[in-house]
Amino acid sequence: MGDASYDAIMVLGDAALNPPMYYFTGAGHISNAVLVKRKNQAAVLYCNAMEREEAAKSGLRVIPLTRGGVDSLLKDPREILAAQGVVRGRLGAYGTLDVGNMLSIAARIRAAYPELEIVSEPKDHSIFLRAMETKDEAEVEHIRRMGRITTDVVAKVQHLLTGSAVRDDEVLLKEDGEPLTVADVKSRISLWLAEAGAMDVEGCIFSVGRDAGVPHSTGTAGDPLRLGQTIVFDIFPAEAGGGYFYDFTRTWSLGYAGPEAQGLFDEVRAVYNKVVDNIDLNVDFREYEKLTCEEFHKNGHDTPIHTDGVLEHGYVHSLGHGVGLNVHERPWSRHTMPDDQILRPGVIITIEPGLYYPEKGMGARIEDTYWVRPDGRLERLAEYPYDFVLPMQKWSRT
């Protein structure tokens, strides 16, 4: 708060799926709340009276209101702000709230307190992301647990695919004899995550063939699974209730792979290994983005550093990002980011190089989540094999 010259901050909205509120409260069933923290003072949480006991689990001072926090601000912001002595100076506004409510609240505050300046920041550069950038042991354990859940679900998906029957045209089949589709796989993923106490907040990427060549294509629901097609499986679930995330990707080809697809995967794996082997403490994350671009460019691929404009094939995205209460947060590896993306002790990052050629019907990405430990070592928070070609249990190539 001192660096941002704030006299107070205000966080609005639910605890779930709202990182700034979760950061203070640690989740719980808290909805439409208002948290106010003055500089050098403890935070105070205004909540709906019916949720007072859930709110009390946060350990914060809780003030229950009949209308709840957000509705009270909408009716008369003085009820909360005057009680906390927030009537002038700079007030930082954060949280997840309907934009109409947020604009209405800001207008009412300005009308009530002309000397109070409401300040907002871009999410990617907010004081919360700077505060969240390094994690303590308890936070790391949350993310490590999510890594175990994630890789357990990935193993179940692999077993589902490799255990499926295969039709003469190399399409995978369900037990009822119908084609196994992307939608079928995704429904199982959601179920398995829920059973383990996690949720796919933003869905997942399970893309095959041409879709695998477009990094953020989530996959076409009706596409059947076939042998010999590249599958990019990027899964980034969070704790149930909207807590800590994990981020993980594997690329597979069922039964066999063509030489070009195998070559693409091998290049990605080689660059991934080189980056992991060369990570050092307190180095700017962007340096490893440059290394990745140089390695791919040597092999004839376009990269963001070597090509102007929008890239549609080659290495088209950055190497990695931080992970925590947001699936994407500081530090960032993109070469255009400010020069403060340091791999200091406590950061948790992804390393995820990839190559993409939609016109060839293929793509490849490998991603793991790592913790830069206090002793400077890099720890992969969940282990999983890197096999590209997955043997099918009920099919053999003749």
Protein backbone atom coordinates (compact mmCIF):
# COMPACT_ATOMS: atom_id res chain seq x y z
CA MET A 1 0.00 0.00 0.00
CA GLY A 2 2.88 2.31 0.73
CA ASP A 3 4.41 1.80 -2.71
CA ALA A 4 1.06 2.65 -4.32
CA SER A 5 0.52 5.65 -2.01
CA TYR A 6 -2.83 4.29 -0.84
CA ASP A 7 -4.49 5.46 2.34
CA ALA A 8 -6.87 2.49 2.20
CA ILE A 9 -7.99 -0.35 -0.02
CA MET A 10 -11.47 -1.76 -0.58
CA VAL A 11 -12.15 -5.29 -1.85
CA LEU A 12 -15.61 -6.17 -3.13
CA GLY A 13 -17.50 -9.35 -3.94
CA ASP A 14 -17.53 -13.02 -3.03
CA ALA A 15 -14.67 -14.97 -1.48
CA ALA A 16 -14.84 -17.75 -4.09
CA LEU A 17 -13.20 -17.10 -7.48
CA ASN A 18 -12.17 -13.64 -6.30
CA PRO A 19 -8.42 -13.72 -5.58
CA PRO A 20 -8.12 -10.41 -3.68
CA MET A 21 -10.97 -11.36 -1.31
CA TYR A 22 -9.72 -14.94 -0.97
CA TYR A 23 -6.24 -13.61 -0.16
CA PHE A 24 -7.63 -11.93 2.96
CA THR A 25 -10.39 -14.35 3.95
CA GLY A 26 -9.18 -17.81 2.88
CA ALA A 27 -12.47 -18.62 1.13
CA GLY A 28 -15.60 -19.69 3.02
CA HIS A 29 -19.19 -19.00 2.01
CA ILE A 30 -18.97 -15.22 1.85
CA SER A 31 -20.90 -13.35 -0.82
CA ASN A 32 -21.16 -9.69 -1.85
CA ALA A 33 -18.90 -8.66 1.00
CA VAL A 34 -16.85 -5.50 1.44
CA LEU A 35 -13.41 -5.56 2.99
CA VAL A 36 -11.80 -2.29 4.05
CA LYS A 37 -8.18 -1.98 5.11
CA ARG A 38 -6.59 1.29 6.10
CA LYS A 39 -2.85 1.73 5.89
CA ASN A 40 -1.11 0.16 8.90
CA GLN A 41 -4.42 -1.11 10.30
CA ALA A 42 -6.13 -4.49 10.33
CA ALA A 43 -8.72 -5.29 7.67
CA VAL A 44 -12.43 -5.20 8.52
CA LEU A 45 -14.96 -7.40 6.73
CA TYR A 46 -18.58 -6.31 6.18
CA CYS A 47 -20.81 -9.25 5.27
CA ASN A 48 -24.41 -10.38 5.12
CA ALA A 49 -25.64 -11.13 8.64
CA MET A 50 -26.66 -14.63 7.56
CA GLU A 51 -23.02 -15.38 6.67
CA ARG A 52 -21.45 -13.95 9.83
CA GLU A 53 -20.22 -17.29 11.16
CA GLU A 54 -18.66 -18.25 7.83
CA ALA A 55 -17.03 -14.83 7.68
CA ALA A 56 -15.71 -15.21 11.22
CA LYS A 57 -13.63 -18.20 10.09
CA SER A 58 -11.40 -15.72 8.27
CA GLY A 59 -10.07 -14.46 11.60
CA LEU A 60 -10.83 -10.89 10.57
CA ARG A 61 -12.97 -8.44 12.45
CA VAL A 62 -16.44 -9.03 11.02
CA ILE A 63 -19.31 -6.56 10.95
CA PRO A 64 -22.59 -8.19 9.84
CA LEU A 65 -25.14 -6.08 7.99
CA THR A 66 -28.74 -6.93 7.17
CA ARG A 67 -28.26 -5.93 3.53
CA GLY A 68 -24.70 -7.22 3.22
CA GLY A 69 -21.65 -5.18 2.29
CA VAL A 70 -22.11 -4.46 -1.41
CA ASP A 71 -25.80 -3.58 -1.09
CA SER A 72 -24.96 -1.23 1.78
CA LEU A 73 -22.39 0.57 -0.36
CA LEU A 74 -24.93 0.86 -3.17
CA LYS A 75 -27.50 2.41 -0.84
CA ASP A 76 -25.22 4.72 1.14
CA PRO A 77 -21.41 4.26 1.13
CA ARG A 78 -21.07 6.45 4.23
CA GLU A 79 -22.34 3.61 6.45
CA ILE A 80 -19.12 1.69 5.84
CA LEU A 81 -16.54 4.28 4.83
CA ALA A 82 -17.27 6.83 7.56
CA ALA A 83 -17.15 4.08 10.19
CA GLN A 84 -13.67 3.17 8.98
CA GLY A 85 -12.49 6.77 8.67
CA VAL A 86 -12.07 6.50 4.91
CA VAL A 87 -13.31 9.91 3.80
CA ARG A 88 -10.33 11.46 1.98
CA GLY A 89 -7.07 10.43 0.34
CA ARG A 90 -6.46 7.55 -2.09
CA LEU A 91 -8.68 4.44 -2.00
CA GLY A 92 -7.64 1.42 -4.06
CA ALA A 93 -10.59 -0.60 -5.38
CA TYR A 94 -10.28 -4.36 -6.05
CA GLY A 95 -12.32 -7.52 -6.36
CA THR A 96 -14.76 -9.21 -8.69
CA LEU A 97 -18.11 -7.51 -9.06
CA ASP A 98 -20.66 -6.77 -11.76
CA VAL A 99 -19.36 -3.74 -13.65
CA GLY A 100 -22.67 -1.91 -13.25
CA ASN A 101 -22.53 -2.29 -9.48
CA MET A 102 -18.89 -1.21 -9.42
CA LEU A 103 -19.58 1.95 -11.43
CA SER A 104 -22.62 2.78 -9.28
CA ILE A 105 -20.61 2.35 -6.08
CA ALA A 106 -17.81 4.55 -7.41
CA ALA A 107 -20.28 7.28 -8.38
CA ARG A 108 -21.93 7.23 -4.93
CA ILE A 109 -18.58 7.36 -3.15
CA ARG A 110 -17.43 10.33 -5.23
CA ALA A 111 -20.68 12.16 -4.52
CA ALA A 112 -20.44 11.51 -0.77
CA TYR A 113 -16.68 12.18 -0.41
CA PRO A 114 -15.27 14.50 -3.08
CA GLU A 115 -11.86 14.42 -1.37
CA LEU A 116 -11.63 10.63 -1.67
CA GLU A 117 -9.89 9.51 -4.86
CA ILE A 118 -10.86 6.02 -6.08
CA VAL A 119 -7.88 4.39 -7.76
CA SER A 120 -7.88 1.24 -9.89
CA GLU A 121 -5.00 -0.69 -11.46
CA PRO A 122 -4.69 -3.12 -14.35
CA LYS A 123 -5.05 -6.61 -12.89
CA ASP A 124 -1.68 -7.74 -14.27
CA HIS A 125 0.15 -5.03 -12.30
CA SER A 126 -1.94 -4.70 -9.16
CA ILE A 127 -0.55 -4.57 -5.63
CA PHE A 128 -2.30 -7.88 -5.01
CA LEU A 129 -0.37 -9.68 -7.73
CA ARG A 130 2.84 -8.21 -6.37
CA ALA A 131 1.91 -9.39 -2.86
CA MET A 132 0.90 -12.84 -4.19
CA GLU A 133 4.03 -13.27 -6.28
CA THR A 134 5.93 -15.27 -3.66
CA LYS A 135 4.29 -18.09 -1.72
CA ASP A 136 4.85 -19.39 1.79
CA GLU A 137 5.03 -23.10 2.69
CA ALA A 138 1.28 -23.32 3.38
CA GLU A 139 0.41 -21.87 -0.03
CA VAL A 140 2.88 -24.19 -1.75
CA GLU A 141 1.23 -27.18 -0.07
CA HIS A 142 -2.17 -26.09 -1.46
CA ILE A 143 -0.69 -25.99 -4.98
CA ARG A 144 1.25 -29.24 -4.49
CA ARG A 145 -2.02 -30.94 -3.45
CA MET A 146 -3.70 -29.57 -6.59
CA GLY A 147 -0.81 -31.00 -8.57
CA ARG A 148 -1.50 -34.47 -7.16
CA ILE A 149 -5.19 -34.14 -7.99
CA THR A 150 -4.40 -32.90 -11.49
CA THR A 151 -2.00 -35.69 -12.37
CA ASP A 152 -4.36 -38.30 -10.90
CA VAL A 153 -7.09 -37.05 -13.25
CA VAL A 154 -4.65 -37.00 -16.19
CA ALA A 155 -3.79 -40.64 -15.45
CA LYS A 156 -7.49 -41.53 -15.51
CA VAL A 157 -7.89 -39.80 -18.87
CA GLN A 158 -4.89 -41.68 -20.24
CA HIS A 159 -6.36 -44.98 -19.02
CA LEU A 160 -9.73 -44.11 -20.58
CA LEU A 161 -8.14 -43.41 -23.96
CA THR A 162 -5.69 -46.30 -24.10
CA GLY A 163 -8.32 -48.76 -22.86
CA SER A 164 -10.87 -47.86 -25.52
CA ALA A 165 -11.80 -50.14 -28.38
CA VAL A 166 -10.79 -48.94 -31.86
CA ARG A 167 -12.93 -49.09 -35.00
CA ASP A 168 -11.49 -50.12 -38.38
CA ASP A 169 -11.16 -46.47 -39.38
CA GLU A 170 -9.06 -45.86 -36.21
CA VAL A 171 -11.80 -44.01 -34.31
CA LEU A 172 -11.98 -44.74 -30.57
CA LEU A 173 -15.23 -46.18 -29.27
CA LYS A 174 -17.21 -45.94 -26.05
CA GLU A 175 -18.65 -49.03 -24.37
CA ASP A 176 -21.93 -48.56 -26.29
CA GLY A 177 -20.10 -48.66 -29.60
CA GLU A 178 -20.49 -44.94 -30.34
CA PRO A 179 -17.41 -42.79 -31.11
CA LEU A 180 -15.57 -41.36 -28.11
CA THR A 181 -15.58 -37.57 -28.52
CA VAL A 182 -13.84 -34.58 -26.99
CA ALA A 183 -17.08 -33.77 -25.12
CA ASP A 184 -17.16 -37.27 -23.62
CA VAL A 185 -13.61 -36.90 -22.31
CA LYS A 186 -14.26 -33.43 -20.89
CA SER A 187 -17.35 -34.61 -19.02
CA ARG A 188 -15.26 -37.29 -17.32
CA ILE A 189 -12.58 -34.72 -16.45
CA SER A 190 -15.13 -32.47 -14.74
CA LEU A 191 -16.56 -35.41 -12.80
CA TRP A 192 -13.17 -36.72 -11.67
CA LEU A 193 -12.05 -33.25 -10.57
CA ALA A 194 -15.25 -32.70 -8.57
CA GLU A 195 -14.86 -36.06 -6.86
CA ALA A 196 -11.35 -35.03 -5.79
CA GLY A 197 -12.40 -31.63 -4.39
CA ALA A 198 -11.37 -29.52 -7.39
CA MET A 199 -13.09 -27.69 -10.22
CA ASP A 200 -12.28 -26.77 -13.82
CA VAL A 201 -13.06 -23.08 -13.33
CA GLU A 202 -12.27 -22.08 -16.91
CA GLY A 203 -12.75 -25.49 -18.48
CA CYS A 204 -9.73 -27.28 -19.92
CA ILE A 205 -8.02 -27.66 -23.27
CA PHE A 206 -8.43 -31.04 -24.92
CA SER A 207 -7.78 -30.39 -28.58
CA VAL A 208 -7.03 -32.81 -31.39
CA GLY A 209 -5.66 -32.50 -34.90
CA ARG A 210 -5.93 -28.99 -36.29
CA ASP A 211 -7.25 -27.65 -32.98
CA ALA A 212 -4.04 -28.87 -31.33
CA GLY A 213 -2.21 -26.40 -33.56
CA VAL A 214 -4.04 -23.43 -32.02
CA PRO A 215 -2.70 -23.00 -28.45
CA HIS A 216 -5.89 -21.88 -26.72
CA SER A 217 -8.37 -23.83 -28.78
CA THR A 218 -10.28 -25.77 -26.14
CA GLY A 219 -11.19 -28.49 -28.64
CA THR A 220 -14.32 -29.12 -30.69
CA ALA A 221 -16.91 -30.97 -28.61
CA GLY A 222 -18.08 -33.32 -31.35
CA ASP A 223 -14.64 -34.31 -32.64
CA PRO A 224 -14.05 -38.07 -32.34
CA LEU A 225 -10.75 -39.33 -30.93
CA ARG A 226 -8.58 -41.05 -33.54
CA LEU A 227 -5.28 -42.87 -33.59
CA GLY A 228 -2.24 -40.98 -34.82
CA GLN A 229 -3.56 -37.44 -34.14
CA THR A 230 -1.77 -35.10 -31.78
CA ILE A 231 -3.75 -34.31 -28.64
CA VAL A 232 -2.86 -31.26 -26.55
CA PHE A 233 -4.26 -31.76 -23.05
CA ASP A 234 -3.90 -28.62 -20.93
CA ILE A 235 -5.65 -28.85 -17.55
CA PHE A 236 -5.65 -25.98 -15.02
CA PRO A 237 -8.08 -26.72 -12.18
CA ALA A 238 -8.53 -24.91 -8.88
CA GLU A 239 -9.50 -26.00 -5.42
CA ALA A 240 -13.26 -26.32 -4.97
CA GLY A 241 -14.49 -22.95 -3.75
CA GLY A 242 -12.09 -21.08 -5.99
CA GLY A 243 -8.72 -21.30 -4.25
CA TYR A 244 -5.29 -22.21 -5.62
CA PHE A 245 -4.72 -23.40 -9.19
CA TYR A 246 -2.40 -25.90 -10.84
CA ASP A 247 -1.36 -25.80 -14.51
CA PHE A 248 -0.23 -28.82 -16.51
CA THR A 249 -0.01 -29.94 -20.16
CA ARG A 250 0.91 -33.13 -21.98
CA THR A 251 0.82 -33.89 -25.68
CA TRP A 252 -0.17 -37.37 -26.80
CA SER A 253 -0.65 -39.39 -29.94
CA LEU A 254 -2.61 -42.61 -29.60
CA GLY A 255 -1.20 -45.83 -31.01
CA TYR A 256 1.37 -44.26 -33.31
CA ALA A 257 2.66 -40.92 -34.58
CA GLY A 258 3.82 -39.73 -37.97
CA PRO A 259 7.47 -38.71 -38.28
CA GLU A 260 6.66 -34.99 -38.55
CA ALA A 261 4.53 -35.00 -35.39
CA GLN A 262 7.18 -37.02 -33.56
CA GLY A 263 9.84 -34.56 -34.66
CA LEU A 264 7.77 -31.60 -33.46
CA PHE A 265 7.31 -33.18 -30.05
CA ASP A 266 11.00 -34.05 -29.78
CA GLU A 267 11.96 -30.42 -30.47
CA VAL A 268 9.61 -29.19 -27.76
CA ARG A 269 10.92 -31.73 -25.28
CA ALA A 270 14.53 -30.76 -26.01
CA VAL A 271 13.83 -27.06 -25.42
CA TYR A 272 11.83 -27.83 -22.28
CA ASN A 273 14.75 -29.84 -20.89
CA LYS A 274 17.26 -27.11 -21.76
CA VAL A 275 15.24 -24.42 -19.98
CA VAL A 276 14.72 -26.56 -16.86
CA ASP A 277 18.41 -27.48 -16.76
CA ASN A 278 19.47 -23.83 -16.97
CA ILE A 279 17.09 -22.11 -14.54
CA ASP A 280 18.98 -20.06 -11.94
CA LEU A 281 17.85 -18.16 -8.86
CA ASN A 282 17.22 -14.41 -9.09
CA VAL A 283 17.42 -14.30 -12.90
CA ASP A 284 14.84 -12.39 -14.93
CA PHE A 285 12.24 -14.90 -16.23
CA ARG A 286 12.37 -13.13 -19.60
CA GLU A 287 15.91 -14.43 -20.13
CA TYR A 288 14.52 -17.95 -20.50
CA GLU A 289 11.93 -16.71 -22.97
CA LYS A 290 14.83 -15.39 -25.05
CA LEU A 291 16.60 -18.75 -24.74
CA THR A 292 13.45 -20.56 -25.90
CA CYS A 293 13.02 -18.27 -28.88
CA GLU A 294 16.66 -18.68 -29.92
CA GLU A 295 16.46 -22.47 -29.73
CA PHE A 296 13.26 -22.70 -31.78
CA HIS A 297 14.46 -20.08 -34.27
CA LYS A 298 17.64 -22.10 -34.92
CA ASN A 299 15.37 -24.95 -36.03
CA GLY A 300 13.49 -22.73 -38.46
CA HIS A 301 10.41 -21.79 -36.42
CA ASP A 302 8.89 -18.33 -36.12
CA THR A 303 8.97 -16.80 -32.63
CA PRO A 304 7.63 -13.60 -31.03
CA ILE A 305 11.14 -12.15 -30.85
CA HIS A 306 12.06 -12.89 -34.47
CA THR A 307 8.74 -12.12 -36.16
CA ASP A 308 6.59 -8.98 -36.17
CA GLY A 309 2.81 -9.10 -36.06
CA VAL A 310 0.45 -11.91 -35.12
CA LEU A 311 1.97 -15.39 -35.21
CA GLU A 312 -0.21 -18.26 -36.41
CA HIS A 313 2.38 -21.03 -36.49
CA GLY A 314 5.68 -21.89 -34.86
CA TYR A 315 6.34 -20.80 -31.28
CA VAL A 316 3.44 -18.41 -30.81
CA HIS A 317 3.20 -17.80 -27.06
CA SER A 318 5.49 -17.12 -24.11
CA LEU A 319 7.38 -19.64 -22.00
CA GLY A 320 5.48 -19.39 -18.73
CA HIS A 321 3.86 -17.41 -15.94
CA GLY A 322 3.23 -17.43 -12.23
CA VAL A 323 0.50 -19.60 -10.69
CA GLY A 324 -1.43 -19.14 -7.45
CA LEU A 325 -4.91 -17.82 -6.68
CA ASN A 326 -4.92 -16.84 -10.37
CA VAL A 327 -4.04 -19.38 -13.03
CA HIS A 328 -1.95 -16.62 -14.67
CA GLU A 329 -0.06 -14.17 -12.48
CA ARG A 330 3.39 -12.72 -11.83
CA PRO A 331 6.15 -13.31 -12.74
CA TRP A 332 5.65 -13.25 -16.52
CA SER A 333 8.18 -14.50 -19.06
CA ARG A 334 7.03 -12.53 -22.10
CA HIS A 335 9.87 -10.44 -23.47
CA THR A 336 7.72 -7.29 -23.60
CA MET A 337 7.03 -7.31 -19.84
CA PRO A 338 8.69 -4.82 -17.44
CA ASP A 339 12.12 -5.76 -16.14
CA ASP A 340 11.03 -6.97 -12.68
CA GLN A 341 10.02 -10.56 -13.48
CA ILE A 342 12.61 -12.11 -11.18
CA LEU A 343 12.76 -15.80 -10.26
CA ARG A 344 13.21 -15.03 -6.59
CA PRO A 345 12.75 -17.61 -3.82
CA GLY A 346 9.08 -18.45 -3.30
CA VAL A 347 7.72 -17.87 -6.81
CA ILE A 348 5.72 -20.63 -8.50
CA ILE A 349 5.92 -20.69 -12.28
CA THR A 350 5.00 -22.75 -15.30
CA ILE A 351 7.46 -23.81 -17.98
CA GLU A 352 5.50 -24.57 -21.14
CA PRO A 353 7.26 -24.35 -24.52
CA GLY A 354 5.25 -25.40 -27.55
CA LEU A 355 5.13 -25.49 -31.35
CA TYR A 356 1.95 -25.12 -33.39
CA TYR A 357 1.10 -25.83 -37.01
CA PRO A 358 -2.69 -25.82 -37.53
CA GLU A 359 -2.29 -26.09 -41.30
CA LYS A 360 -0.50 -29.41 -40.71
CA GLY A 361 -3.09 -30.59 -38.18
CA MET A 362 -0.69 -30.75 -35.26
CA GLY A 363 0.74 -29.00 -32.23
CA ALA A 364 2.82 -29.92 -29.20
CA ARG A 365 3.22 -28.45 -25.74
CA ILE A 366 4.77 -29.67 -22.48
CA GLU A 367 3.97 -27.87 -19.24
CA ASP A 368 4.78 -28.39 -15.59
CA THR A 369 4.45 -26.15 -12.55
CA TYR A 370 7.59 -25.44 -10.53
CA TRP A 371 8.42 -23.86 -7.19
CA VAL A 372 11.60 -21.85 -6.77
CA ARG A 373 12.49 -23.06 -3.29
CA PRO A 374 14.04 -20.84 -0.59
CA ASP A 375 17.33 -22.71 -1.11
CA GLY A 376 17.25 -21.76 -4.80
CA ARG A 377 16.45 -25.23 -6.14
CA LEU A 378 13.71 -25.73 -8.70
CA GLU A 379 11.06 -28.25 -7.58
CA ARG A 380 8.49 -29.75 -9.95
CA LEU A 381 5.33 -29.87 -7.84
CA ALA A 382 3.84 -32.96 -9.49
CA GLU A 383 5.47 -35.74 -11.48
CA TYR A 384 4.04 -37.31 -14.63
CA PRO A 385 5.60 -39.17 -17.59
CA TYR A 386 6.38 -37.35 -20.84
CA ASP A 387 5.40 -40.18 -23.20
CA PHE A 388 4.14 -38.90 -26.55
CA VAL A 389 2.92 -42.09 -28.21
CA LEU A 390 0.53 -43.97 -25.93
CA PRO A 391 0.16 -47.71 -26.71
CA MET A 392 -3.44 -48.84 -27.09
CA GLN A 393 -4.50 -51.86 -25.05
CA LYS A 394 -7.08 -53.13 -27.55
CA TRP A 395 -5.35 -52.36 -30.84
CA SER A 396 -2.16 -53.36 -32.58
CA ARG A 397 -0.74 -52.14 -35.84
CA THR A 398 -0.60 -54.91 -38.44
